[in-house]
Amino acid sequence: MTTADQDGRPVRTAVVGLGWAARSIWLPRLGGHPGFGLTAAVDPDAASRAAVTAEFPDTPVLAAVHEVDPAQVDLAIVAVPNHLHCEIACSLLLKGIPVFLEKPVCLTSAEAGRLAEAEHAGGARLLAGSAARHRGDVRALLAGAGELGTVRHVELSWVRARGVPDAGGWFTRGRLSGGGALVDLGWHLFDVAAPLLGTTDFAQVIGAVSGDFIARDNARASWRAEDGGESTRSGVIDVEDTVRAFLITDDGVSVSLHASWASHEDRDVTRVRVEGTEGSATLRCTFGFSPNRLEHPELTVTADGQTRALPLPAEAVGTEYDRQLAELLAQLRGPDGPHRAVEEARRTIGAIERIYSSADAAREKAPSNRA
């Protein structure tokens, strides 16, 4: 596998899955980036292929992932529905094609194991990560965390006023999505916290989930078109719109997590707070593409009873994905060995599984007359 910096040729890239994420995020950015060349766009749905052909007429379209030629592809970006992430990524890795997977990387710890095996057998690297870590305000928070002393507590919160994706489609069907707000929004939050927590595991995990808003028509995300293919509405809604959890790492750092697709609030707000022995830092912003957002992100640091605001550069919504593409180039040629993405994913999905297990146990003990 070569990169543009190594031989002057752009990274030949296939996009697998042509739903909202591919058409709104990946294809426009890949088409405009000199380091990447679009080699193929893949989707079994004819309407999705036709839409891509109309917008990107020079991009070859394929109907099946087995048609992707490893001799013509240096990288595959997989943007299929959640339940297909592991299957599609493994098939490409086994062909020797490096793969980038957006969150969720996997839906179970068993799937994490399958990805690790495919990466080893195929000799190709799996890359993964949330774009949220590449936001300018998040980078500023993480860069300043070293001044806070030893980290004692991390608060992670992403609460939307209204933002249920594709209610009745695959996002709200547990078999296809793997979960609700915890898998969708919570993965971003865990990814942001990873540099603060390191490689430690969680010694204790407790959580609760609820679904008070998910079936309401006025709770749906208004900024994204519905995906095609398997997202055709079935009426099945069996995941949560809200999760609240508390976790403690092996080395004693506590983590609170709150993620909601919809709520009583009037704005979509993300909050990340880091408390250390020498001070605390709080970031208030809005992750994602929702137009119902805070106008400007705010980052403050408090120490010795004094709070000061740190300047943050203005950046357009979605800039984090531009940075993520640049990071992909670095990762493809970088010295980091294989399995790093899988190990991070294994820790995240392990925590998610334990939160769901805790929530399930609590529901089993709840009185039968409670929802």
Protein backbone atom coordinates (compact mmCIF):
# COMPACT_ATOMS: atom_id res chain seq x y z
CA MET A 1 0.00 0.00 0.00
CA THR A 2 1.33 3.40 -0.96
CA THR A 3 0.38 6.95 -0.15
CA ALA A 4 0.51 10.18 -2.09
CA ASP A 5 3.56 11.34 -0.12
CA GLN A 6 5.49 8.18 -0.92
CA ASP A 7 5.09 7.98 -4.69
CA GLY A 8 3.19 11.12 -5.70
CA ARG A 9 0.00 9.16 -6.34
CA PRO A 10 -3.19 9.83 -4.37
CA VAL A 11 -4.47 7.08 -2.10
CA ARG A 12 -6.90 5.09 -4.22
CA THR A 13 -10.03 4.95 -2.10
CA ALA A 14 -13.26 2.98 -2.28
CA VAL A 15 -16.33 4.07 -0.28
CA VAL A 16 -18.52 1.13 0.72
CA GLY A 17 -22.08 2.11 1.61
CA LEU A 18 -23.66 5.12 -0.06
CA GLY A 19 -26.11 6.40 2.54
CA TRP A 20 -26.22 9.79 4.23
CA ALA A 21 -22.73 9.60 5.75
CA ALA A 22 -21.08 8.69 2.45
CA ARG A 23 -22.92 11.25 0.34
CA SER A 24 -22.79 14.10 2.87
CA ILE A 25 -19.41 13.54 4.53
CA TRP A 26 -17.02 11.22 2.76
CA LEU A 27 -17.56 11.51 -0.98
CA PRO A 28 -17.43 15.33 -1.14
CA ARG A 29 -14.31 15.47 1.02
CA LEU A 30 -12.50 12.68 -0.77
CA GLY A 31 -13.32 14.23 -4.12
CA GLY A 32 -11.82 17.54 -3.05
CA HIS A 33 -8.70 16.24 -1.29
CA PRO A 34 -5.48 16.00 -3.34
CA GLY A 35 -4.21 13.12 -1.22
CA PHE A 36 -7.10 10.82 -2.16
CA GLY A 37 -8.54 9.49 -5.40
CA LEU A 38 -11.99 7.96 -5.59
CA THR A 39 -11.61 4.51 -7.14
CA ALA A 40 -15.04 3.07 -6.44
CA ALA A 41 -18.36 3.65 -4.71
CA VAL A 42 -20.12 0.48 -3.59
CA ASP A 43 -23.74 -0.19 -2.63
CA PRO A 44 -26.25 -2.93 -3.49
CA ASP A 45 -29.05 -0.36 -3.75
CA ALA A 46 -29.50 0.83 -7.35
CA ALA A 47 -31.05 4.16 -6.32
CA SER A 48 -28.08 4.97 -4.10
CA ARG A 49 -25.65 4.14 -6.90
CA ALA A 50 -27.62 6.32 -9.31
CA ALA A 51 -27.57 9.24 -6.88
CA VAL A 52 -23.79 8.98 -6.55
CA THR A 53 -23.34 8.72 -10.31
CA ALA A 54 -25.39 11.87 -10.79
CA GLU A 55 -23.29 13.82 -8.27
CA PHE A 56 -19.89 12.20 -8.92
CA PRO A 57 -20.06 11.06 -12.55
CA ASP A 58 -16.38 10.13 -12.77
CA THR A 59 -16.57 7.67 -9.88
CA PRO A 60 -17.04 3.99 -10.81
CA VAL A 61 -19.97 2.42 -8.96
CA LEU A 62 -20.14 -1.23 -7.91
CA ALA A 63 -23.03 -3.30 -6.60
CA ALA A 64 -21.13 -5.63 -4.24
CA VAL A 65 -18.11 -5.43 -2.00
CA HIS A 66 -16.59 -8.58 -3.52
CA GLU A 67 -16.17 -6.57 -6.74
CA VAL A 68 -13.61 -4.30 -5.06
CA ASP A 69 -10.23 -5.09 -6.59
CA PRO A 70 -7.33 -4.99 -4.09
CA ALA A 71 -4.98 -4.19 -6.96
CA GLN A 72 -6.91 -0.96 -7.54
CA VAL A 73 -7.65 0.11 -3.95
CA ASP A 74 -5.30 1.37 -1.24
CA LEU A 75 -8.02 2.12 1.31
CA ALA A 76 -11.70 1.32 1.83
CA ILE A 77 -13.90 3.63 3.89
CA VAL A 78 -16.78 1.56 5.24
CA ALA A 79 -20.00 3.53 5.84
CA VAL A 80 -22.63 0.80 5.93
CA PRO A 81 -25.34 0.25 8.57
CA ASN A 82 -23.91 -0.79 11.93
CA HIS A 83 -24.71 -4.50 11.78
CA LEU A 84 -22.66 -4.82 8.57
CA HIS A 85 -19.51 -3.07 9.87
CA CYS A 86 -17.73 -6.20 11.02
CA GLU A 87 -18.74 -8.41 8.09
CA ILE A 88 -17.77 -5.89 5.41
CA ALA A 89 -14.56 -4.79 7.13
CA CYS A 90 -13.41 -8.37 7.66
CA SER A 91 -14.03 -9.28 4.02
CA LEU A 92 -11.90 -6.34 2.87
CA LEU A 93 -9.13 -6.89 5.41
CA LEU A 94 -8.86 -10.55 4.38
CA LYS A 95 -8.30 -9.34 0.80
CA GLY A 96 -5.39 -7.23 2.05
CA ILE A 97 -7.21 -3.89 1.76
CA PRO A 98 -6.72 -1.40 4.62
CA VAL A 99 -10.06 -0.32 6.08
CA PHE A 100 -11.27 2.78 7.86
CA LEU A 101 -14.36 2.22 10.01
CA GLU A 102 -16.36 5.07 11.51
CA LYS A 103 -18.02 4.42 14.83
CA PRO A 104 -19.27 2.02 15.99
CA VAL A 105 -16.29 -0.10 15.01
CA CYS A 106 -18.07 -3.22 16.24
CA LEU A 107 -21.25 -4.15 18.07
CA THR A 108 -19.90 -6.86 20.37
CA SER A 109 -16.63 -7.99 21.90
CA ALA A 110 -16.87 -11.08 19.72
CA GLU A 111 -16.90 -8.85 16.63
CA ALA A 112 -13.80 -7.07 17.92
CA GLY A 113 -12.11 -10.44 18.03
CA ARG A 114 -13.15 -11.21 14.45
CA LEU A 115 -11.72 -7.88 13.27
CA ALA A 116 -8.42 -8.61 15.01
CA GLU A 117 -8.23 -12.02 13.35
CA ALA A 118 -9.01 -10.58 9.89
CA GLU A 119 -6.43 -7.82 10.32
CA HIS A 120 -3.78 -10.39 11.21
CA ALA A 121 -4.73 -12.88 8.48
CA GLY A 122 -4.98 -10.31 5.70
CA GLY A 123 -1.95 -8.29 6.70
CA ALA A 124 -3.87 -5.03 6.21
CA ARG A 125 -4.40 -2.33 8.80
CA LEU A 126 -7.74 -1.46 10.38
CA LEU A 127 -8.13 2.25 11.10
CA ALA A 128 -10.96 3.69 13.14
CA GLY A 129 -12.01 6.62 15.23
CA SER A 130 -14.55 9.30 15.86
CA ALA A 131 -14.27 12.64 14.08
CA ALA A 132 -15.15 14.37 17.36
CA ARG A 133 -11.58 13.91 18.59
CA HIS A 134 -10.42 16.05 15.65
CA ARG A 135 -12.53 19.09 16.53
CA GLY A 136 -10.48 22.19 17.27
CA ASP A 137 -12.18 22.77 20.62
CA VAL A 138 -11.70 19.14 21.70
CA ARG A 139 -8.04 19.31 20.73
CA ALA A 140 -7.68 22.47 22.81
CA LEU A 141 -9.28 20.74 25.80
CA LEU A 142 -7.04 17.68 25.48
CA ALA A 143 -3.93 19.82 24.98
CA GLY A 144 -4.64 21.74 28.18
CA ALA A 145 -5.47 18.69 30.27
CA GLY A 146 -1.84 18.32 31.29
CA GLU A 147 -2.11 21.51 33.36
CA LEU A 148 -4.91 20.03 35.47
CA GLY A 149 -2.68 17.61 37.39
CA THR A 150 -3.79 14.04 37.95
CA VAL A 151 -7.19 13.43 36.37
CA ARG A 152 -9.80 12.41 38.92
CA HIS A 153 -13.09 12.65 37.03
CA VAL A 154 -14.31 13.03 33.44
CA GLU A 155 -17.86 14.13 32.64
CA LEU A 156 -19.14 13.27 29.16
CA SER A 157 -22.51 14.54 27.97
CA TRP A 158 -24.17 14.94 24.57
CA VAL A 159 -27.84 15.83 24.87
CA ARG A 160 -29.91 16.72 21.83
CA ALA A 161 -33.17 18.61 22.04
CA ARG A 162 -34.51 16.67 19.03
CA GLY A 163 -32.33 14.32 17.05
CA VAL A 164 -33.59 10.73 16.77
CA PRO A 165 -32.11 9.39 13.50
CA ASP A 166 -34.52 7.57 11.19
CA ALA A 167 -37.12 6.50 13.77
CA GLY A 168 -38.54 3.18 12.62
CA GLY A 169 -35.53 2.54 10.37
CA TRP A 170 -32.36 0.58 11.08
CA PHE A 171 -31.06 3.11 13.64
CA THR A 172 -33.88 2.23 16.05
CA ARG A 173 -33.83 -1.54 15.47
CA GLY A 174 -31.47 -3.14 17.96
CA ARG A 175 -30.65 -6.08 15.70
CA LEU A 176 -29.33 -3.71 13.03
CA SER A 177 -27.93 -0.83 15.09
CA GLY A 178 -26.55 -2.61 18.13
CA GLY A 179 -28.17 -0.02 20.40
CA GLY A 180 -29.51 3.49 20.55
CA ALA A 181 -28.00 6.72 21.83
CA LEU A 182 -25.29 4.84 23.73
CA VAL A 183 -23.88 3.23 20.59
CA ASP A 184 -24.49 6.25 18.35
CA LEU A 185 -23.50 9.22 20.53
CA GLY A 186 -21.78 7.44 23.39
CA TRP A 187 -19.08 6.00 21.12
CA HIS A 188 -18.02 9.56 20.21
CA LEU A 189 -17.86 10.48 23.90
CA PHE A 190 -15.77 7.45 24.83
CA ASP A 191 -13.43 8.22 21.93
CA VAL A 192 -12.92 11.79 23.15
CA ALA A 193 -12.14 10.52 26.65
CA ALA A 194 -9.67 7.85 25.48
CA PRO A 195 -6.59 10.14 25.50
CA LEU A 196 -7.45 11.15 29.07
CA LEU A 197 -8.00 7.62 30.34
CA GLY A 198 -5.24 5.79 28.48
CA THR A 199 -5.36 2.02 28.09
CA THR A 200 -6.86 1.28 31.49
CA ASP A 201 -10.02 -0.80 31.68
CA PHE A 202 -13.11 -0.14 33.77
CA ALA A 203 -13.30 -1.83 37.14
CA GLN A 204 -16.90 -0.81 37.82
CA VAL A 205 -19.76 0.05 35.45
CA ILE A 206 -23.38 0.93 36.16
CA GLY A 207 -25.96 2.40 33.84
CA ALA A 208 -29.61 3.03 33.03
CA VAL A 209 -31.42 3.59 29.74
CA SER A 210 -34.82 5.00 28.80
CA GLY A 211 -36.92 5.71 25.70
CA ASP A 212 -39.39 8.45 26.55
CA PHE A 213 -38.95 10.49 23.36
CA ILE A 214 -37.92 8.07 20.63
CA ALA A 215 -41.36 7.41 19.12
CA ARG A 216 -42.44 11.07 19.04
CA ASP A 217 -42.60 12.57 15.55
CA ASN A 218 -41.22 15.90 16.78
CA ALA A 219 -38.11 14.17 18.21
CA ARG A 220 -36.65 13.17 14.84
CA ALA A 221 -33.44 14.57 13.43
CA SER A 222 -34.41 17.22 10.87
CA TRP A 223 -31.00 17.79 9.30
CA ARG A 224 -30.32 14.42 7.71
CA ALA A 225 -32.09 12.61 4.92
CA GLU A 226 -33.15 9.07 5.66
CA ASP A 227 -30.71 6.38 4.54
CA GLY A 228 -31.77 4.01 1.83
CA GLY A 229 -31.52 0.26 1.70
CA GLU A 230 -32.26 -1.47 5.00
CA SER A 231 -33.34 1.77 6.67
CA THR A 232 -36.80 1.36 5.08
CA ARG A 233 -39.20 1.95 7.94
CA SER A 234 -40.45 -1.15 9.68
CA GLY A 235 -42.10 0.46 12.67
CA VAL A 236 -39.71 -1.41 14.98
CA ILE A 237 -38.31 0.78 17.77
CA ASP A 238 -36.52 -1.26 20.42
CA VAL A 239 -33.52 0.84 21.47
CA GLU A 240 -33.02 3.65 23.97
CA ASP A 241 -33.00 7.36 23.26
CA THR A 242 -31.17 8.15 26.52
CA VAL A 243 -28.41 6.55 28.57
CA ARG A 244 -26.88 7.59 31.88
CA ALA A 245 -23.87 5.72 33.23
CA PHE A 246 -21.13 5.91 35.81
CA LEU A 247 -17.83 4.10 35.40
CA ILE A 248 -14.61 3.80 37.42
CA THR A 249 -11.32 2.83 35.83
CA ASP A 250 -8.85 0.35 37.28
CA ASP A 251 -6.72 3.25 38.49
CA GLY A 252 -9.61 5.06 40.19
CA VAL A 253 -10.71 7.71 37.66
CA SER A 254 -14.48 8.16 37.63
CA VAL A 255 -16.41 8.81 34.41
CA SER A 256 -20.00 9.99 34.09
CA LEU A 257 -21.72 9.61 30.74
CA HIS A 258 -25.04 11.03 29.55
CA ALA A 259 -26.17 10.69 25.93
CA SER A 260 -29.62 11.55 24.57
CA TRP A 261 -31.08 11.62 21.09
CA ALA A 262 -33.93 13.80 22.39
CA SER A 263 -34.78 15.61 25.60
CA HIS A 264 -36.65 18.53 27.18
CA GLU A 265 -33.83 20.95 26.28
CA ASP A 266 -34.02 23.70 23.67
CA ARG A 267 -30.52 23.27 22.22
CA ASP A 268 -28.24 20.36 21.33
CA VAL A 269 -25.33 20.66 23.74
CA THR A 270 -22.19 18.60 24.25
CA ARG A 271 -20.30 19.02 27.51
CA VAL A 272 -16.92 17.55 28.39
CA ARG A 273 -15.50 18.37 31.81
CA VAL A 274 -12.17 17.19 33.19
CA GLU A 275 -11.45 17.52 36.90
CA GLY A 276 -7.88 17.16 38.14
CA THR A 277 -5.84 17.71 41.26
CA GLU A 278 -4.74 21.18 40.08
CA GLY A 279 -7.88 22.46 38.34
CA SER A 280 -10.76 21.67 36.01
CA ALA A 281 -11.58 22.38 32.39
CA THR A 282 -15.04 22.48 30.81
CA LEU A 283 -15.94 22.47 27.13
CA ARG A 284 -19.48 23.35 26.01
CA CYS A 285 -20.19 22.96 22.30
CA THR A 286 -22.33 20.94 19.90
CA PHE A 287 -20.97 17.83 18.25
CA GLY A 288 -22.25 16.77 14.85
CA PHE A 289 -24.24 18.53 12.15
CA SER A 290 -27.39 19.59 13.95
CA PRO A 291 -28.37 23.21 13.17
CA ASN A 292 -29.90 23.50 16.64
CA ARG A 293 -26.50 24.15 18.18
CA LEU A 294 -24.61 26.50 20.44
CA GLU A 295 -23.47 29.45 18.36
CA HIS A 296 -19.91 29.30 19.66
CA PRO A 297 -18.03 26.65 21.67
CA GLU A 298 -16.84 27.68 25.11
CA LEU A 299 -13.77 26.35 26.92
CA THR A 300 -13.04 27.45 30.48
CA VAL A 301 -10.41 26.51 33.04
CA THR A 302 -10.94 26.87 36.78
CA ALA A 303 -8.17 26.78 39.40
CA ASP A 304 -7.87 28.29 42.88
CA GLY A 305 -11.37 29.73 42.66
CA GLN A 306 -10.69 31.61 39.43
CA THR A 307 -12.29 30.78 36.08
CA ARG A 308 -10.88 31.97 32.79
CA ALA A 309 -12.07 31.46 29.24
CA LEU A 310 -9.62 30.13 26.67
CA PRO A 311 -9.79 31.44 23.10
CA LEU A 312 -11.01 29.01 20.47
CA PRO A 313 -10.60 29.54 16.73
CA ALA A 314 -13.79 29.69 14.69
CA GLU A 315 -14.27 26.71 12.40
CA ALA A 316 -17.02 25.55 10.10
CA VAL A 317 -19.26 22.64 11.01
CA GLY A 318 -17.66 19.44 9.71
CA THR A 319 -14.07 20.71 9.79
CA GLU A 320 -13.24 17.77 12.03
CA TYR A 321 -13.78 15.41 9.10
CA ASP A 322 -11.26 17.35 7.00
CA ARG A 323 -8.72 16.87 9.79
CA GLN A 324 -9.64 13.23 10.10
CA LEU A 325 -8.81 12.67 6.43
CA ALA A 326 -5.39 14.26 6.95
CA GLU A 327 -4.89 12.00 9.95
CA LEU A 328 -5.81 8.97 7.83
CA LEU A 329 -2.94 9.76 5.49
CA ALA A 330 -0.59 9.92 8.47
CA GLN A 331 -1.91 6.66 9.90
CA LEU A 332 -1.57 4.79 6.64
CA ARG A 333 2.14 5.57 6.47
CA GLY A 334 2.79 5.85 10.21
CA PRO A 335 4.82 3.57 12.46
CA ASP A 336 1.94 2.49 14.70
CA GLY A 337 1.51 -1.23 14.41
CA PRO A 338 -1.67 -3.16 13.72
CA HIS A 339 -4.33 -3.85 16.33
CA ARG A 340 -4.34 -0.38 17.92
CA ALA A 341 -7.80 0.43 16.53
CA VAL A 342 -9.12 -2.98 17.54
CA GLU A 343 -7.81 -2.64 21.09
CA GLU A 344 -9.42 0.79 21.51
CA ALA A 345 -12.66 -0.58 20.07
CA ARG A 346 -12.49 -3.59 22.39
CA ARG A 347 -12.32 -1.32 25.44
CA THR A 348 -15.19 0.85 24.19
CA ILE A 349 -17.55 -1.94 23.23
CA GLY A 350 -16.70 -3.74 26.46
CA ALA A 351 -17.86 -0.70 28.45
CA ILE A 352 -20.98 -0.37 26.29
CA GLU A 353 -21.87 -4.03 26.79
CA ARG A 354 -21.51 -3.64 30.56
CA ILE A 355 -23.70 -0.52 30.61
CA TYR A 356 -26.44 -2.39 28.75
CA SER A 357 -26.02 -5.38 31.06
CA SER A 358 -26.41 -3.13 34.10
CA ALA A 359 -29.49 -1.46 32.61
CA ASP A 360 -31.03 -4.84 31.76
CA ALA A 361 -30.45 -6.12 35.29
CA ALA A 362 -32.09 -3.02 36.76
CA ARG A 363 -35.14 -3.40 34.50
CA GLU A 364 -35.55 -7.03 35.52
CA LYS A 365 -35.74 -6.00 39.17
CA ALA A 366 -38.09 -3.07 38.58
CA PRO A 367 -41.75 -3.40 39.61
CA SER A 368 -43.90 -4.69 36.74
CA ASN A 369 -46.06 -1.55 36.71
CA ARG A 370 -43.07 0.66 35.77
CA ALA A 371 -42.22 1.40 32.12
